Amino acid sequence: MTKESTVRLAIIGTGRRVNYHLRNLLPMPEVKITALCDIKVENIKQLQNTYTTLADADCYSDYQDMLREKSLDAVIVNTPHALHAPIAKVCLSAGMHVLMEKPVACSVTEARELQKNVHDSGCIFVLAYQRRYDSVYRYVHQAISDGVLGQLVAISGYQTQAWRTRVAGTWRQNPELSGGGQLIDSGSHFLDVTLWASNLKPHWVFATVDFRDKPVDIRSTLLVGFEQGVQGALSVVGDGAGWSECITFMGENATLTYRDGALILLSPDSKELPIGPLPPASNPDENFISAILGKENSMCTIEDGIQVLELTEAAWQSAAKNQPVILS
């Protein structure tokens, strides 16, 4: 496929999240969505009724049939968590570039196996942690990288959602399909953007977890020891009121807080400092297509996903043992 080619794309899993990807993909002239796959074919038909430009896409209930019958360049894996890695492995083996929803897998062991598949295939792999593409979070990442805050000393933040009730009765609270609760679901985005923005690796974690009478974790609080002696305190709350996300990066020269899309930069004497121009926003789908066409690199690699999963798994182990866990 040349750099000027059209990317022939299939989507595996047509649940609610697919609308985010379609809003990004459909305006792109270099993308042709030629196939849709879901075990519930009625979901595909409903999607085609909503997006008439998808009317000509072929419908499949088995993704392996689709891979055998269709000439494709790339796939988006948009299924329940437990199916991510198994489906991605087959797609990579078939020479498909893969954009996958988070998490990268439901265990570090499974993620490491997928990592080998990615490297052996030579295909593009992008994990859809979309906060990395948000202009405000990109500013945070750049400010820390440029030394605006000086040496980081601490990180504190929370994510709160009515997750316990909002997704009750869905696969997200079925551990066989989800792999866990809010920490591996929306909390996974929160952990990823913390690690990415700070560019720090966690060394140990001491966590508490509360299932709140559900089969998966609902509340998690992580005390994290990062490299360079940076301390972290992160809470993921699945039975809070409203929807809010806040994270503060404390440095020797300044403190930068992100809260629900707004930024506050404070000097050592607590005076508010001006925020510079925000970087342009993007999204995982644009990054994926551009990477396939040789225009840019993946902004979220499988290694990034493994780092998030390592911290998640260590937090669960810590909570179960009621003691700190060292990350390798």
C-alpha atoms as a PDB file:
ATOM      1  CA  MET A   1       0.000   0.000   0.000  1.00  0.00           C
ATOM      2  CA  THR A   2       1.480   3.353  -1.016  1.00  0.00           C
ATOM      3  CA  LYS A   3       1.400   6.459   1.135  1.00  0.00           C
ATOM      4  CA  GLU A   4      -1.285   7.904  -1.167  1.00  0.00           C
ATOM      5  CA  SER A   5      -3.569   4.867  -0.893  1.00  0.00           C
ATOM      6  CA  THR A   6      -6.979   4.628   0.669  1.00  0.00           C
ATOM      7  CA  VAL A   7      -6.996   2.678   3.925  1.00  0.00           C
ATOM      8  CA  ARG A   8      -9.531  -0.157   3.745  1.00  0.00           C
ATOM      9  CA  LEU A   9     -10.864  -0.421   7.275  1.00  0.00           C
ATOM     10  CA  ALA A  10     -13.092  -2.798   9.223  1.00  0.00           C
ATOM     11  CA  ILE A  11     -14.633  -2.260  12.643  1.00  0.00           C
ATOM     12  CA  ILE A  12     -15.018  -5.212  15.015  1.00  0.00           C
ATOM     13  CA  GLY A  13     -17.628  -4.424  17.659  1.00  0.00           C
ATOM     14  CA  THR A  14     -20.362  -1.887  16.938  1.00  0.00           C
ATOM     15  CA  GLY A  15     -21.448  -0.963  20.450  1.00  0.00           C
ATOM     16  CA  ARG A  16     -21.958   2.591  21.689  1.00  0.00           C
ATOM     17  CA  ARG A  17     -18.256   3.468  21.706  1.00  0.00           C
ATOM     18  CA  VAL A  18     -18.066   3.037  17.918  1.00  0.00           C
ATOM     19  CA  ASN A  19     -19.797   6.398  17.467  1.00  0.00           C
ATOM     20  CA  TYR A  20     -16.687   8.175  18.777  1.00  0.00           C
ATOM     21  CA  HIS A  21     -14.535   6.495  16.140  1.00  0.00           C
ATOM     22  CA  LEU A  22     -17.008   7.106  13.327  1.00  0.00           C
ATOM     23  CA  ARG A  23     -17.195  10.824  14.102  1.00  0.00           C
ATOM     24  CA  ASN A  24     -13.439  10.924  13.632  1.00  0.00           C
ATOM     25  CA  LEU A  25     -13.166   8.599  10.637  1.00  0.00           C
ATOM     26  CA  LEU A  26     -16.076   9.443   8.352  1.00  0.00           C
ATOM     27  CA  PRO A  27     -14.781  12.941   7.427  1.00  0.00           C
ATOM     28  CA  MET A  28     -11.421  11.463   6.359  1.00  0.00           C
ATOM     29  CA  PRO A  29     -11.286  10.966   2.556  1.00  0.00           C
ATOM     30  CA  GLU A  30      -8.376   8.529   2.839  1.00  0.00           C
ATOM     31  CA  VAL A  31     -10.501   6.045   4.818  1.00  0.00           C
ATOM     32  CA  LYS A  32     -12.941   3.529   3.355  1.00  0.00           C
ATOM     33  CA  ILE A  33     -14.922   1.511   5.914  1.00  0.00           C
ATOM     34  CA  THR A  34     -15.654  -1.661   3.976  1.00  0.00           C
ATOM     35  CA  ALA A  35     -16.773  -4.087   6.691  1.00  0.00           C
ATOM     36  CA  LEU A  36     -18.543  -4.124  10.043  1.00  0.00           C
ATOM     37  CA  CYS A  37     -18.530  -7.040  12.456  1.00  0.00           C
ATOM     38  CA  ASP A  38     -20.596  -7.746  15.550  1.00  0.00           C
ATOM     39  CA  ILE A  39     -22.011 -10.927  17.075  1.00  0.00           C
ATOM     40  CA  LYS A  40     -25.331  -9.057  17.112  1.00  0.00           C
ATOM     41  CA  VAL A  41     -26.016  -8.301  13.444  1.00  0.00           C
ATOM     42  CA  GLU A  42     -28.962  -6.112  14.459  1.00  0.00           C
ATOM     43  CA  ASN A  43     -26.429  -3.702  15.996  1.00  0.00           C
ATOM     44  CA  ILE A  44     -24.756  -3.364  12.608  1.00  0.00           C
ATOM     45  CA  LYS A  45     -28.056  -2.706  10.845  1.00  0.00           C
ATOM     46  CA  GLN A  46     -28.924  -0.035  13.387  1.00  0.00           C
ATOM     47  CA  LEU A  47     -25.530   1.566  12.846  1.00  0.00           C
ATOM     48  CA  GLN A  48     -25.995   1.569   9.072  1.00  0.00           C
ATOM     49  CA  ASN A  49     -29.384   3.218   9.485  1.00  0.00           C
ATOM     50  CA  THR A  50     -27.761   5.940  11.578  1.00  0.00           C
ATOM     51  CA  TYR A  51     -24.767   6.422   9.266  1.00  0.00           C
ATOM     52  CA  THR A  52     -26.030   6.010   5.715  1.00  0.00           C
ATOM     53  CA  THR A  53     -22.483   6.246   4.325  1.00  0.00           C
ATOM     54  CA  LEU A  54     -21.917   2.790   5.846  1.00  0.00           C
ATOM     55  CA  ALA A  55     -24.765   1.219   3.851  1.00  0.00           C
ATOM     56  CA  ASP A  56     -22.354  -0.483   1.438  1.00  0.00           C
ATOM     57  CA  ALA A  57     -20.148  -1.968   4.156  1.00  0.00           C
ATOM     58  CA  ASP A  58     -20.327  -5.759   4.340  1.00  0.00           C
ATOM     59  CA  CYS A  59     -21.742  -7.217   7.565  1.00  0.00           C
ATOM     60  CA  TYR A  60     -20.226 -10.098   9.519  1.00  0.00           C
ATOM     61  CA  SER A  61     -20.969 -11.851  12.779  1.00  0.00           C
ATOM     62  CA  ASP A  62     -17.585 -13.657  12.803  1.00  0.00           C
ATOM     63  CA  TYR A  63     -14.435 -11.553  12.477  1.00  0.00           C
ATOM     64  CA  GLN A  64     -12.371 -14.505  11.239  1.00  0.00           C
ATOM     65  CA  ASP A  65     -14.780 -14.997   8.322  1.00  0.00           C
ATOM     66  CA  MET A  66     -14.376 -11.310   7.594  1.00  0.00           C
ATOM     67  CA  LEU A  67     -10.572 -11.530   7.574  1.00  0.00           C
ATOM     68  CA  ARG A  68     -10.689 -14.487   5.183  1.00  0.00           C
ATOM     69  CA  GLU A  69     -13.152 -12.933   2.762  1.00  0.00           C
ATOM     70  CA  LYS A  70     -12.320  -9.225   2.721  1.00  0.00           C
ATOM     71  CA  SER A  71      -9.276  -7.361   1.392  1.00  0.00           C
ATOM     72  CA  LEU A  72      -8.450  -5.085   4.300  1.00  0.00           C
ATOM     73  CA  ASP A  73      -5.588  -2.927   5.519  1.00  0.00           C
ATOM     74  CA  ALA A  74      -6.648  -2.221   9.088  1.00  0.00           C
ATOM     75  CA  VAL A  75      -9.142  -2.972  11.832  1.00  0.00           C
ATOM     76  CA  ILE A  76     -10.528  -1.252  14.901  1.00  0.00           C
ATOM     77  CA  VAL A  77     -11.138  -3.575  17.858  1.00  0.00           C
ATOM     78  CA  ASN A  78     -14.059  -2.170  19.835  1.00  0.00           C
ATOM     79  CA  THR A  79     -15.208  -5.164  21.879  1.00  0.00           C
ATOM     80  CA  PRO A  80     -15.462  -6.047  25.581  1.00  0.00           C
ATOM     81  CA  HIS A  81     -12.042  -6.016  27.236  1.00  0.00           C
ATOM     82  CA  ALA A  82     -11.487  -9.755  27.463  1.00  0.00           C
ATOM     83  CA  LEU A  83     -11.723 -10.057  23.667  1.00  0.00           C
ATOM     84  CA  HIS A  84      -9.207  -7.316  22.851  1.00  0.00           C
ATOM     85  CA  ALA A  85      -5.972  -9.293  22.874  1.00  0.00           C
ATOM     86  CA  PRO A  86      -7.324 -12.538  21.322  1.00  0.00           C
ATOM     87  CA  ILE A  87      -8.876 -10.654  18.401  1.00  0.00           C
ATOM     88  CA  ALA A  88      -5.870  -8.378  17.938  1.00  0.00           C
ATOM     89  CA  LYS A  89      -3.513 -11.375  17.756  1.00  0.00           C
ATOM     90  CA  VAL A  90      -5.492 -12.919  14.891  1.00  0.00           C
ATOM     91  CA  CYS A  91      -5.732  -9.594  13.056  1.00  0.00           C
ATOM     92  CA  LEU A  92      -1.998  -8.916  13.376  1.00  0.00           C
ATOM     93  CA  SER A  93      -1.217 -12.425  12.146  1.00  0.00           C
ATOM     94  CA  ALA A  94      -3.356 -11.645   9.091  1.00  0.00           C
ATOM     95  CA  GLY A  95      -1.258  -8.520   8.422  1.00  0.00           C
ATOM     96  CA  MET A  96      -3.786  -6.012   9.697  1.00  0.00           C
ATOM     97  CA  HIS A  97      -2.844  -2.715  11.321  1.00  0.00           C
ATOM     98  CA  VAL A  98      -4.736  -2.483  14.622  1.00  0.00           C
ATOM     99  CA  LEU A  99      -6.357   0.360  16.535  1.00  0.00           C
ATOM    100  CA  MET A 100      -7.640  -1.066  19.799  1.00  0.00           C
ATOM    101  CA  GLU A 101      -9.772   0.307  22.573  1.00  0.00           C
ATOM    102  CA  LYS A 102      -8.258   0.132  26.052  1.00  0.00           C
ATOM    103  CA  PRO A 103      -7.172  -1.821  28.004  1.00  0.00           C
ATOM    104  CA  VAL A 104      -4.448  -3.576  26.049  1.00  0.00           C
ATOM    105  CA  ALA A 105      -5.408  -6.876  27.730  1.00  0.00           C
ATOM    106  CA  CYS A 106      -6.837  -8.200  30.976  1.00  0.00           C
ATOM    107  CA  SER A 107      -3.497  -9.392  32.355  1.00  0.00           C
ATOM    108  CA  VAL A 108       0.128  -8.398  31.977  1.00  0.00           C
ATOM    109  CA  THR A 109       0.986 -11.917  30.805  1.00  0.00           C
ATOM    110  CA  GLU A 110      -1.561 -11.689  27.991  1.00  0.00           C
ATOM    111  CA  ALA A 111      -0.341  -8.197  27.107  1.00  0.00           C
ATOM    112  CA  ARG A 112       3.267  -9.393  26.844  1.00  0.00           C
ATOM    113  CA  GLU A 113       2.180 -12.123  24.433  1.00  0.00           C
ATOM    114  CA  LEU A 114       0.377  -9.524  22.317  1.00  0.00           C
ATOM    115  CA  GLN A 115       3.467  -7.317  22.406  1.00  0.00           C
ATOM    116  CA  LYS A 116       5.424 -10.077  20.668  1.00  0.00           C
ATOM    117  CA  ASN A 117       2.681 -10.368  18.035  1.00  0.00           C
ATOM    118  CA  VAL A 118       2.842  -6.632  17.373  1.00  0.00           C
ATOM    119  CA  HIS A 119       6.612  -6.644  16.931  1.00  0.00           C
ATOM    120  CA  ASP A 120       6.647  -9.801  14.816  1.00  0.00           C
ATOM    121  CA  SER A 121       3.915  -8.482  12.513  1.00  0.00           C
ATOM    122  CA  GLY A 122       5.557  -5.167  11.693  1.00  0.00           C
ATOM    123  CA  CYS A 123       2.071  -3.649  11.673  1.00  0.00           C
ATOM    124  CA  ILE A 124       0.965  -0.328  13.152  1.00  0.00           C
ATOM    125  CA  PHE A 125      -0.601  -0.637  16.605  1.00  0.00           C
ATOM    126  CA  VAL A 126      -2.369   2.233  18.361  1.00  0.00           C
ATOM    127  CA  LEU A 127      -4.135   2.019  21.719  1.00  0.00           C
ATOM    128  CA  ALA A 128      -7.066   4.425  21.990  1.00  0.00           C
ATOM    129  CA  TYR A 129      -6.156   6.402  25.111  1.00  0.00           C
ATOM    130  CA  GLN A 130      -7.763   9.580  23.802  1.00  0.00           C
ATOM    131  CA  ARG A 131      -6.680  11.932  26.594  1.00  0.00           C
ATOM    132  CA  ARG A 132      -3.220  12.002  25.023  1.00  0.00           C
ATOM    133  CA  TYR A 133      -4.749  13.770  22.026  1.00  0.00           C
ATOM    134  CA  ASP A 134      -6.688  16.370  24.042  1.00  0.00           C
ATOM    135  CA  SER A 135      -5.186  19.853  23.607  1.00  0.00           C
ATOM    136  CA  VAL A 136      -5.345  20.679  27.336  1.00  0.00           C
ATOM    137  CA  TYR A 137      -3.680  17.450  28.445  1.00  0.00           C
ATOM    138  CA  ARG A 138      -1.119  17.894  25.668  1.00  0.00           C
ATOM    139  CA  TYR A 139      -0.289  21.262  27.179  1.00  0.00           C
ATOM    140  CA  VAL A 140       0.256  19.592  30.562  1.00  0.00           C
ATOM    141  CA  HIS A 141       2.547  17.004  28.998  1.00  0.00           C
ATOM    142  CA  GLN A 142       4.529  19.665  27.126  1.00  0.00           C
ATOM    143  CA  ALA A 143       4.810  22.005  30.124  1.00  0.00           C
ATOM    144  CA  ILE A 144       6.264  19.227  32.269  1.00  0.00           C
ATOM    145  CA  SER A 145       8.602  18.102  29.473  1.00  0.00           C
ATOM    146  CA  ASP A 146       9.786  21.695  28.933  1.00  0.00           C
ATOM    147  CA  GLY A 147      10.579  22.115  32.640  1.00  0.00           C
ATOM    148  CA  VAL A 148       7.951  24.787  33.329  1.00  0.00           C
ATOM    149  CA  LEU A 149       7.241  23.172  36.714  1.00  0.00           C
ATOM    150  CA  GLY A 150      10.857  22.366  37.476  1.00  0.00           C
ATOM    151  CA  GLN A 151      11.574  19.061  39.171  1.00  0.00           C
ATOM    152  CA  LEU A 152       8.310  17.258  39.959  1.00  0.00           C
ATOM    153  CA  VAL A 153       7.857  16.401  43.628  1.00  0.00           C
ATOM    154  CA  ALA A 154       4.292  15.061  43.873  1.00  0.00           C
ATOM    155  CA  ILE A 155       1.166  14.168  41.892  1.00  0.00           C
ATOM    156  CA  SER A 156      -2.358  14.114  43.309  1.00  0.00           C
ATOM    157  CA  GLY A 157      -5.609  13.463  41.511  1.00  0.00           C
ATOM    158  CA  TYR A 158      -9.008  11.849  41.297  1.00  0.00           C
ATOM    159  CA  GLN A 159     -11.549  10.605  38.821  1.00  0.00           C
ATOM    160  CA  THR A 160     -15.141  10.349  39.990  1.00  0.00           C
ATOM    161  CA  GLN A 161     -18.096   8.927  38.053  1.00  0.00           C
ATOM    162  CA  ALA A 162     -21.429   7.306  38.800  1.00  0.00           C
ATOM    163  CA  TRP A 163     -19.923   4.204  37.194  1.00  0.00           C
ATOM    164  CA  ARG A 164     -21.432   1.744  39.700  1.00  0.00           C
ATOM    165  CA  THR A 165     -24.994   2.565  38.632  1.00  0.00           C
ATOM    166  CA  ARG A 166     -24.381   3.863  35.102  1.00  0.00           C
ATOM    167  CA  VAL A 167     -23.003   0.559  33.753  1.00  0.00           C
ATOM    168  CA  ALA A 168     -24.846  -1.800  36.128  1.00  0.00           C
ATOM    169  CA  GLY A 169     -26.041  -4.923  34.346  1.00  0.00           C
ATOM    170  CA  THR A 170     -23.637  -4.498  31.418  1.00  0.00           C
ATOM    171  CA  TRP A 171     -20.542  -6.492  30.460  1.00  0.00           C
ATOM    172  CA  ARG A 172     -18.401  -3.829  32.148  1.00  0.00           C
ATOM    173  CA  GLN A 173     -19.366  -5.252  35.550  1.00  0.00           C
ATOM    174  CA  ASN A 174     -18.948  -8.865  34.445  1.00  0.00           C
ATOM    175  CA  PRO A 175     -15.346  -9.751  35.369  1.00  0.00           C
ATOM    176  CA  GLU A 176     -15.172 -12.505  32.744  1.00  0.00           C
ATOM    177  CA  LEU A 177     -15.696  -9.916  30.010  1.00  0.00           C
ATOM    178  CA  SER A 178     -14.296  -6.754  31.606  1.00  0.00           C
ATOM    179  CA  GLY A 179     -11.282  -8.102  33.471  1.00  0.00           C
ATOM    180  CA  GLY A 180     -12.078  -5.817  36.408  1.00  0.00           C
ATOM    181  CA  GLY A 181     -13.949  -2.715  37.487  1.00  0.00           C
ATOM    182  CA  GLN A 182     -13.576   1.006  37.023  1.00  0.00           C
ATOM    183  CA  LEU A 183      -9.813   0.948  37.528  1.00  0.00           C
ATOM    184  CA  ILE A 184      -9.299  -1.035  34.298  1.00  0.00           C
ATOM    185  CA  ASP A 185     -12.167   0.736  32.538  1.00  0.00           C
ATOM    186  CA  SER A 186     -12.414   4.533  32.628  1.00  0.00           C
ATOM    187  CA  GLY A 187      -9.818   4.622  35.412  1.00  0.00           C
ATOM    188  CA  SER A 188      -7.368   3.186  32.908  1.00  0.00           C
ATOM    189  CA  HIS A 189      -7.520   6.458  30.967  1.00  0.00           C
ATOM    190  CA  PHE A 190      -6.761   8.349  34.169  1.00  0.00           C
ATOM    191  CA  LEU A 191      -3.714   6.233  34.980  1.00  0.00           C
ATOM    192  CA  ASP A 192      -2.437   6.476  31.407  1.00  0.00           C
ATOM    193  CA  VAL A 193      -2.614  10.248  31.199  1.00  0.00           C
ATOM    194  CA  THR A 194      -0.910  10.554  34.593  1.00  0.00           C
ATOM    195  CA  LEU A 195       2.002   8.382  33.478  1.00  0.00           C
ATOM    196  CA  TRP A 196       2.213   9.981  30.040  1.00  0.00           C
ATOM    197  CA  ALA A 197       1.972  13.592  31.191  1.00  0.00           C
ATOM    198  CA  SER A 198       4.524  13.156  33.968  1.00  0.00           C
ATOM    199  CA  ASN A 199       6.809  10.887  31.918  1.00  0.00           C
ATOM    200  CA  LEU A 200       7.532   9.001  35.158  1.00  0.00           C
ATOM    201  CA  LYS A 201       7.647   5.282  35.788  1.00  0.00           C
ATOM    202  CA  PRO A 202       6.017   3.900  38.959  1.00  0.00           C
ATOM    203  CA  HIS A 203       8.303   1.891  41.251  1.00  0.00           C
ATOM    204  CA  TRP A 204       5.799   0.724  43.874  1.00  0.00           C
ATOM    205  CA  VAL A 205       2.128   1.009  44.761  1.00  0.00           C
ATOM    206  CA  PHE A 206       0.097   0.613  47.958  1.00  0.00           C
ATOM    207  CA  ALA A 207      -3.606   0.447  47.156  1.00  0.00           C
ATOM    208  CA  THR A 208      -7.005  -0.016  48.707  1.00  0.00           C
ATOM    209  CA  VAL A 209      -9.979  -1.313  46.721  1.00  0.00           C
ATOM    210  CA  ASP A 210     -13.693  -1.414  47.587  1.00  0.00           C
ATOM    211  CA  PHE A 211     -16.089  -3.513  45.508  1.00  0.00           C
ATOM    212  CA  ARG A 212     -19.214  -1.886  47.003  1.00  0.00           C
ATOM    213  CA  ASP A 213     -21.211  -5.145  46.784  1.00  0.00           C
ATOM    214  CA  LYS A 214     -20.369  -5.556  43.086  1.00  0.00           C
ATOM    215  CA  PRO A 215     -18.318  -8.335  41.443  1.00  0.00           C
ATOM    216  CA  VAL A 216     -15.693  -5.794  40.320  1.00  0.00           C
ATOM    217  CA  ASP A 217     -13.796  -2.922  41.924  1.00  0.00           C
ATOM    218  CA  ILE A 218     -15.739   0.328  42.307  1.00  0.00           C
ATOM    219  CA  ARG A 219     -13.408   2.497  44.429  1.00  0.00           C
ATOM    220  CA  SER A 220      -9.612   2.429  44.264  1.00  0.00           C
ATOM    221  CA  THR A 221      -7.008   4.621  45.921  1.00  0.00           C
ATOM    222  CA  LEU A 222      -3.378   4.246  44.910  1.00  0.00           C
ATOM    223  CA  LEU A 223      -0.351   5.605  46.743  1.00  0.00           C
ATOM    224  CA  VAL A 224       2.396   5.466  44.145  1.00  0.00           C
ATOM    225  CA  GLY A 225       6.139   5.841  44.464  1.00  0.00           C
ATOM    226  CA  PHE A 226       7.519   7.125  41.175  1.00  0.00           C
ATOM    227  CA  GLU A 227      11.084   7.376  39.997  1.00  0.00           C
ATOM    228  CA  GLN A 228      13.089  10.435  41.154  1.00  0.00           C
ATOM    229  CA  GLY A 229      11.346  10.200  44.532  1.00  0.00           C
ATOM    230  CA  VAL A 230       8.080  11.673  43.247  1.00  0.00           C
ATOM    231  CA  GLN A 231       5.073  10.736  45.391  1.00  0.00           C
ATOM    232  CA  GLY A 232       1.598  10.138  44.021  1.00  0.00           C
ATOM    233  CA  ALA A 233      -1.923   9.785  45.413  1.00  0.00           C
ATOM    234  CA  LEU A 234      -4.597   8.783  42.890  1.00  0.00           C
ATOM    235  CA  SER A 235      -8.257   7.932  43.527  1.00  0.00           C
ATOM    236  CA  VAL A 236     -10.706   6.350  41.102  1.00  0.00           C
ATOM    237  CA  VAL A 237     -14.238   6.604  42.497  1.00  0.00           C
ATOM    238  CA  GLY A 238     -16.996   4.677  40.761  1.00  0.00           C
ATOM    239  CA  ASP A 239     -19.902   5.649  42.985  1.00  0.00           C
ATOM    240  CA  GLY A 240     -19.432   9.401  43.200  1.00  0.00           C
ATOM    241  CA  ALA A 241     -21.838  12.113  42.152  1.00  0.00           C
ATOM    242  CA  GLY A 242     -21.417  13.589  38.697  1.00  0.00           C
ATOM    243  CA  TRP A 243     -18.464  13.174  36.385  1.00  0.00           C
ATOM    244  CA  SER A 244     -15.215  14.898  37.250  1.00  0.00           C
ATOM    245  CA  GLU A 245     -11.485  14.487  36.728  1.00  0.00           C
ATOM    246  CA  CYS A 246      -8.753  16.461  38.423  1.00  0.00           C
ATOM    247  CA  ILE A 247      -4.994  16.010  38.613  1.00  0.00           C
ATOM    248  CA  THR A 248      -2.328  18.281  40.075  1.00  0.00           C
ATOM    249  CA  PHE A 249       1.344  18.104  39.203  1.00  0.00           C
ATOM    250  CA  MET A 250       3.473  19.784  41.874  1.00  0.00           C
ATOM    251  CA  GLY A 251       6.947  20.945  40.937  1.00  0.00           C
ATOM    252  CA  GLU A 252       9.698  22.912  42.638  1.00  0.00           C
ATOM    253  CA  ASN A 253       9.021  25.960  40.418  1.00  0.00           C
ATOM    254  CA  ALA A 254       5.257  25.796  39.780  1.00  0.00           C
ATOM    255  CA  THR A 255       2.110  23.739  40.284  1.00  0.00           C
ATOM    256  CA  LEU A 256      -0.180  22.839  37.390  1.00  0.00           C
ATOM    257  CA  THR A 257      -3.737  21.580  37.912  1.00  0.00           C
ATOM    258  CA  TYR A 258      -6.052  20.094  35.307  1.00  0.00           C
ATOM    259  CA  ARG A 259      -9.711  20.038  36.305  1.00  0.00           C
ATOM    260  CA  ASP A 260     -12.469  19.093  33.888  1.00  0.00           C
ATOM    261  CA  GLY A 261     -10.817  20.714  30.884  1.00  0.00           C
ATOM    262  CA  ALA A 262      -9.506  23.826  32.665  1.00  0.00           C
ATOM    263  CA  LEU A 263      -5.925  24.597  33.765  1.00  0.00           C
ATOM    264  CA  ILE A 264      -4.492  26.554  36.671  1.00  0.00           C
ATOM    265  CA  LEU A 265      -0.754  27.278  36.830  1.00  0.00           C
ATOM    266  CA  LEU A 266       0.509  28.646  40.155  1.00  0.00           C
ATOM    267  CA  SER A 267       3.862  30.165  41.082  1.00  0.00           C
ATOM    268  CA  PRO A 268       5.681  29.260  44.348  1.00  0.00           C
ATOM    269  CA  ASP A 269       3.946  32.218  46.031  1.00  0.00           C
ATOM    270  CA  SER A 270       0.527  30.983  44.800  1.00  0.00           C
ATOM    271  CA  LYS A 271       0.085  33.635  42.117  1.00  0.00           C
ATOM    272  CA  GLU A 272      -1.751  32.468  39.029  1.00  0.00           C
ATOM    273  CA  LEU A 273       0.473  32.391  35.956  1.00  0.00           C
ATOM    274  CA  PRO A 274      -0.654  32.709  32.328  1.00  0.00           C
ATOM    275  CA  ILE A 275      -1.277  29.570  30.308  1.00  0.00           C
ATOM    276  CA  GLY A 276       0.451  29.582  26.935  1.00  0.00           C
ATOM    277  CA  PRO A 277      -1.158  28.604  23.613  1.00  0.00           C
ATOM    278  CA  LEU A 278      -2.637  25.117  23.645  1.00  0.00           C
ATOM    279  CA  PRO A 279      -1.288  22.525  21.204  1.00  0.00           C
ATOM    280  CA  PRO A 280      -3.687  21.369  18.480  1.00  0.00           C
ATOM    281  CA  ALA A 281      -6.048  18.556  19.378  1.00  0.00           C
ATOM    282  CA  SER A 282      -6.171  15.260  17.559  1.00  0.00           C
ATOM    283  CA  ASN A 283      -7.640  11.817  18.177  1.00  0.00           C
ATOM    284  CA  PRO A 284      -6.523   8.166  18.065  1.00  0.00           C
ATOM    285  CA  ASP A 285      -8.227   7.536  14.724  1.00  0.00           C
ATOM    286  CA  GLU A 286      -6.389  10.339  12.928  1.00  0.00           C
ATOM    287  CA  ASN A 287      -3.128   9.171  14.483  1.00  0.00           C
ATOM    288  CA  PHE A 288      -3.824   5.585  13.392  1.00  0.00           C
ATOM    289  CA  ILE A 289      -4.536   6.463   9.767  1.00  0.00           C
ATOM    290  CA  SER A 290      -1.607   8.880   9.582  1.00  0.00           C
ATOM    291  CA  ALA A 291       0.709   6.214  11.000  1.00  0.00           C
ATOM    292  CA  ILE A 292      -0.467   3.696   8.409  1.00  0.00           C
ATOM    293  CA  LEU A 293       0.191   6.234   5.660  1.00  0.00           C
ATOM    294  CA  GLY A 294       3.671   6.912   7.019  1.00  0.00           C
ATOM    295  CA  LYS A 295       2.949  10.471   8.141  1.00  0.00           C
ATOM    296  CA  GLU A 296       3.503  10.040  11.905  1.00  0.00           C
ATOM    297  CA  ASN A 297       4.216   7.470  14.591  1.00  0.00           C
ATOM    298  CA  SER A 298       1.778   5.824  16.979  1.00  0.00           C
ATOM    299  CA  MET A 299       1.150   8.154  19.899  1.00  0.00           C
ATOM    300  CA  CYS A 300       0.133   5.267  22.152  1.00  0.00           C
ATOM    301  CA  THR A 301       2.062   2.040  21.754  1.00  0.00           C
ATOM    302  CA  ILE A 302       1.537  -1.389  23.218  1.00  0.00           C
ATOM    303  CA  GLU A 303       4.347  -0.627  25.665  1.00  0.00           C
ATOM    304  CA  ASP A 304       2.303   2.313  26.964  1.00  0.00           C
ATOM    305  CA  GLY A 305      -0.662   0.032  27.494  1.00  0.00           C
ATOM    306  CA  ILE A 306       1.452  -2.537  29.307  1.00  0.00           C
ATOM    307  CA  GLN A 307       2.761   0.115  31.701  1.00  0.00           C
ATOM    308  CA  VAL A 308      -0.801   1.070  32.663  1.00  0.00           C
ATOM    309  CA  LEU A 309      -1.778  -2.577  33.073  1.00  0.00           C
ATOM    310  CA  GLU A 310       1.286  -3.304  35.225  1.00  0.00           C
ATOM    311  CA  LEU A 311       0.275  -0.525  37.612  1.00  0.00           C
ATOM    312  CA  THR A 312      -3.353  -1.704  37.613  1.00  0.00           C
ATOM    313  CA  GLU A 313      -2.438  -5.314  38.325  1.00  0.00           C
ATOM    314  CA  ALA A 314       0.024  -4.301  41.048  1.00  0.00           C
ATOM    315  CA  ALA A 315      -2.683  -2.147  42.682  1.00  0.00           C
ATOM    316  CA  TRP A 316      -5.064  -5.113  42.785  1.00  0.00           C
ATOM    317  CA  GLN A 317      -2.323  -7.310  44.257  1.00  0.00           C
ATOM    318  CA  SER A 318      -1.491  -4.675  46.848  1.00  0.00           C
ATOM    319  CA  ALA A 319      -5.115  -4.325  47.920  1.00  0.00           C
ATOM    320  CA  ALA A 320      -5.491  -8.097  48.220  1.00  0.00           C
ATOM    321  CA  LYS A 321      -2.296  -8.412  50.316  1.00  0.00           C
ATOM    322  CA  ASN A 322      -2.733  -5.114  52.200  1.00  0.00           C
ATOM    323  CA  GLN A 323       0.892  -4.243  51.542  1.00  0.00           C
ATOM    324  CA  PRO A 324       2.987  -2.361  48.986  1.00  0.00           C
ATOM    325  CA  VAL A 325       3.873  -4.112  45.750  1.00  0.00           C
ATOM    326  CA  ILE A 326       7.077  -3.436  43.858  1.00  0.00           C
ATOM    327  CA  LEU A 327       6.787  -3.042  40.086  1.00  0.00           C
ATOM    328  CA  SER A 328       9.486  -4.813  38.108  1.00  0.00           C
END
